[in-house]
Amino acid sequence: MKIQSILLGTGLAFSLLACTPKDADIEKQINEKLNDTPGIHVTVHEGVATIVGTCDDEAFKKNIEKSVKSVQGVKTVVNNCQIPEPNVEPAAAAVIINSDADLDKSVSKVVKAYDGVSATVVGGVVTLSGEIKRDQLQSLIQRVQELKPKKVDNKLTIK
């Protein structure tokens, strides 16, 4: 009787173990379920499913975990999905404005090449006055802007 009980118990244990899905089968079911989610990989060892990859956000990560847990034979889930840091744009470079003394010297050199044009510098603002030919105006303004003033106030008259 004792031997029969032991044999019956052993047989029952083997039959229960034979009924549980194998890791490879569980992994196959999970991969079929997650077929449309690139970047996610799941491995199964002794019923423990381990998720690795990159998830878009926390909600996506939780949904993947829920999907994996729902597969028959999965005992526990280890979710090692990473959520990437959001892209942060670098701060804008500081605008460099030259001092009045530096601007005055540089502007005087530029204005010398244009007859009938004079310039003053106050508080980083360059004020151009006088007369200039239309074809020279763009070149003058561009050269003055390259000196990095706060502002260029154009009071020139076109001849």
Protein backbone atom coordinates (compact mmCIF):
# COMPACT_ATOMS: atom_id res chain seq x y z
CA MET A 1 0.00 0.00 0.00
CA LYS A 2 2.83 2.38 0.86
CA ILE A 3 4.57 1.69 -2.42
CA GLN A 4 1.33 2.25 -4.30
CA SER A 5 0.87 5.64 -2.64
CA ILE A 6 4.43 6.66 -3.47
CA LEU A 7 4.05 5.54 -7.08
CA LEU A 8 0.70 7.29 -7.36
CA GLY A 9 2.15 10.53 -5.89
CA THR A 10 5.18 10.37 -8.17
CA GLY A 11 3.00 9.70 -11.18
CA LEU A 12 0.75 12.61 -10.29
CA ALA A 13 3.76 14.94 -9.90
CA PHE A 14 5.17 13.91 -13.28
CA SER A 15 1.83 14.38 -14.96
CA LEU A 16 1.48 17.87 -13.45
CA LEU A 17 4.97 18.80 -14.59
CA ALA A 18 4.26 17.44 -18.05
CA CYS A 19 1.13 19.65 -18.25
CA THR A 20 2.96 22.91 -17.59
CA PRO A 21 4.10 24.71 -20.73
CA LYS A 22 7.80 24.64 -21.56
CA ASP A 23 9.83 27.86 -21.51
CA ALA A 24 10.33 27.72 -25.27
CA ASP A 25 6.58 27.42 -25.85
CA ILE A 26 5.86 30.30 -23.47
CA GLU A 27 8.50 32.44 -25.17
CA LYS A 28 7.00 31.61 -28.59
CA GLN A 29 3.51 32.66 -27.42
CA ILE A 30 4.88 35.92 -25.99
CA ASN A 31 6.81 36.74 -29.17
CA GLU A 32 3.68 36.07 -31.26
CA LYS A 33 1.74 38.42 -28.99
CA LEU A 34 4.42 41.14 -29.16
CA ASN A 35 5.17 40.67 -32.86
CA ASP A 36 4.30 44.28 -33.71
CA THR A 37 6.47 45.87 -30.99
CA PRO A 38 10.03 46.35 -32.29
CA GLY A 39 12.79 46.98 -29.81
CA ILE A 40 11.30 44.64 -27.17
CA HIS A 41 12.78 41.18 -26.49
CA VAL A 42 11.49 38.62 -23.98
CA THR A 43 13.27 35.55 -22.63
CA VAL A 44 11.72 32.90 -20.37
CA HIS A 45 13.55 30.72 -17.85
CA GLU A 46 11.62 28.46 -15.47
CA GLY A 47 8.45 30.46 -16.04
CA VAL A 48 10.09 33.82 -15.29
CA ALA A 49 9.74 36.17 -18.27
CA THR A 50 12.39 38.88 -18.58
CA ILE A 51 11.59 41.86 -20.80
CA VAL A 52 14.41 43.96 -22.24
CA GLY A 53 14.45 46.78 -24.76
CA THR A 54 13.38 50.38 -25.10
CA CYS A 55 9.88 51.59 -24.27
CA ASP A 56 8.49 54.94 -25.39
CA ASP A 57 7.05 55.82 -21.99
CA GLU A 58 5.86 54.39 -18.66
CA ALA A 59 2.38 53.52 -19.98
CA PHE A 60 3.88 51.53 -22.87
CA LYS A 61 6.18 49.72 -20.43
CA LYS A 62 3.21 48.75 -18.21
CA ASN A 63 1.19 47.54 -21.22
CA ILE A 64 4.02 45.28 -22.38
CA GLU A 65 4.34 43.84 -18.87
CA LYS A 66 0.58 43.22 -18.69
CA SER A 67 0.62 41.46 -22.07
CA VAL A 68 3.48 39.19 -20.99
CA LYS A 69 1.81 38.35 -17.64
CA SER A 70 -1.35 37.26 -19.44
CA VAL A 71 0.40 34.41 -21.26
CA GLN A 72 -0.31 31.01 -19.68
CA GLY A 73 2.71 29.55 -17.91
CA VAL A 74 4.32 32.87 -16.97
CA LYS A 75 4.87 32.86 -13.21
CA THR A 76 6.51 36.26 -12.80
CA VAL A 77 7.72 39.09 -15.00
CA VAL A 78 10.96 41.05 -14.70
CA ASN A 79 10.55 44.25 -16.70
CA ASN A 80 13.96 45.70 -17.59
CA CYS A 81 12.66 48.02 -20.33
CA GLN A 82 14.47 51.31 -20.51
CA ILE A 83 12.71 54.62 -21.13
CA PRO A 84 15.01 57.02 -23.00
CA GLU A 85 15.65 60.48 -21.62
CA PRO A 86 13.74 63.19 -23.48
CA ASN A 87 15.75 65.24 -25.94
CA VAL A 88 16.65 68.52 -24.34
CA GLU A 89 17.73 71.26 -26.64
CA PRO A 90 20.83 73.11 -25.57
CA ALA A 91 20.37 76.65 -24.33
CA ALA A 92 20.79 79.34 -26.94
CA ALA A 93 24.24 80.81 -27.15
CA ALA A 94 24.64 84.15 -25.44
CA VAL A 95 24.52 87.14 -27.75
CA ILE A 96 27.77 89.05 -27.72
CA ILE A 97 27.47 92.83 -27.96
CA ASN A 98 30.69 94.75 -28.34
CA SER A 99 31.42 97.73 -26.10
CA ASP A 100 30.79 101.28 -27.36
CA ALA A 101 34.50 102.09 -27.59
CA ASP A 102 35.24 98.98 -29.69
CA LEU A 103 32.16 99.56 -31.83
CA ASP A 104 33.01 103.22 -32.39
CA LYS A 105 36.51 102.39 -33.68
CA SER A 106 35.28 99.54 -35.90
CA VAL A 107 32.28 101.46 -37.26
CA SER A 108 34.49 104.45 -38.10
CA LYS A 109 36.74 102.21 -40.20
CA VAL A 110 33.75 100.73 -42.04
CA VAL A 111 32.02 104.08 -42.65
CA LYS A 112 35.24 105.64 -44.05
CA ALA A 113 34.74 103.59 -47.24
CA TYR A 114 31.33 105.21 -47.87
CA ASP A 115 31.32 108.89 -48.86
CA GLY A 116 28.61 111.02 -47.24
CA VAL A 117 27.88 108.51 -44.42
CA SER A 118 28.51 109.17 -40.71
CA ALA A 119 27.87 107.00 -37.66
CA THR A 120 27.45 107.42 -33.91
CA VAL A 121 27.49 104.75 -31.22
CA VAL A 122 25.49 105.13 -27.99
CA GLY A 123 24.61 102.22 -25.69
CA GLY A 124 25.51 99.60 -28.29
CA VAL A 125 23.20 101.21 -30.89
CA VAL A 126 24.85 102.33 -34.13
CA THR A 127 23.04 105.21 -35.83
CA LEU A 128 23.87 105.70 -39.49
CA SER A 129 23.08 109.06 -41.09
CA GLY A 130 23.88 110.90 -44.31
CA GLU A 131 23.43 109.91 -47.95
CA ILE A 132 24.32 106.65 -49.70
CA LYS A 133 23.85 105.08 -53.12
CA ARG A 134 21.24 102.30 -53.25
CA ASP A 135 23.75 99.66 -54.42
CA GLN A 136 26.03 100.36 -51.42
CA LEU A 137 23.36 100.25 -48.70
CA GLN A 138 23.13 96.46 -48.26
CA SER A 139 26.89 96.08 -48.08
CA LEU A 140 27.21 98.86 -45.45
CA ILE A 141 24.44 97.46 -43.24
CA GLN A 142 25.88 93.95 -43.47
CA ARG A 143 29.39 95.10 -42.53
CA VAL A 144 28.05 97.09 -39.55
CA GLN A 145 25.94 94.10 -38.36
CA GLU A 146 29.06 91.89 -38.42
CA LEU A 147 30.52 94.17 -35.72
CA LYS A 148 27.79 92.87 -33.35
CA PRO A 149 26.06 96.03 -32.18
CA LYS A 150 22.89 95.85 -30.09
CA LYS A 151 20.99 97.50 -32.94
CA VAL A 152 21.60 99.40 -36.18
CA ASP A 153 19.43 102.48 -36.59
CA ASN A 154 19.37 103.36 -40.29
CA LYS A 155 18.66 107.07 -40.89
CA LEU A 156 20.39 107.15 -44.26
CA THR A 157 18.92 108.87 -47.29
CA ILE A 158 19.27 107.02 -50.58
CA LYS A 159 20.55 109.14 -53.47
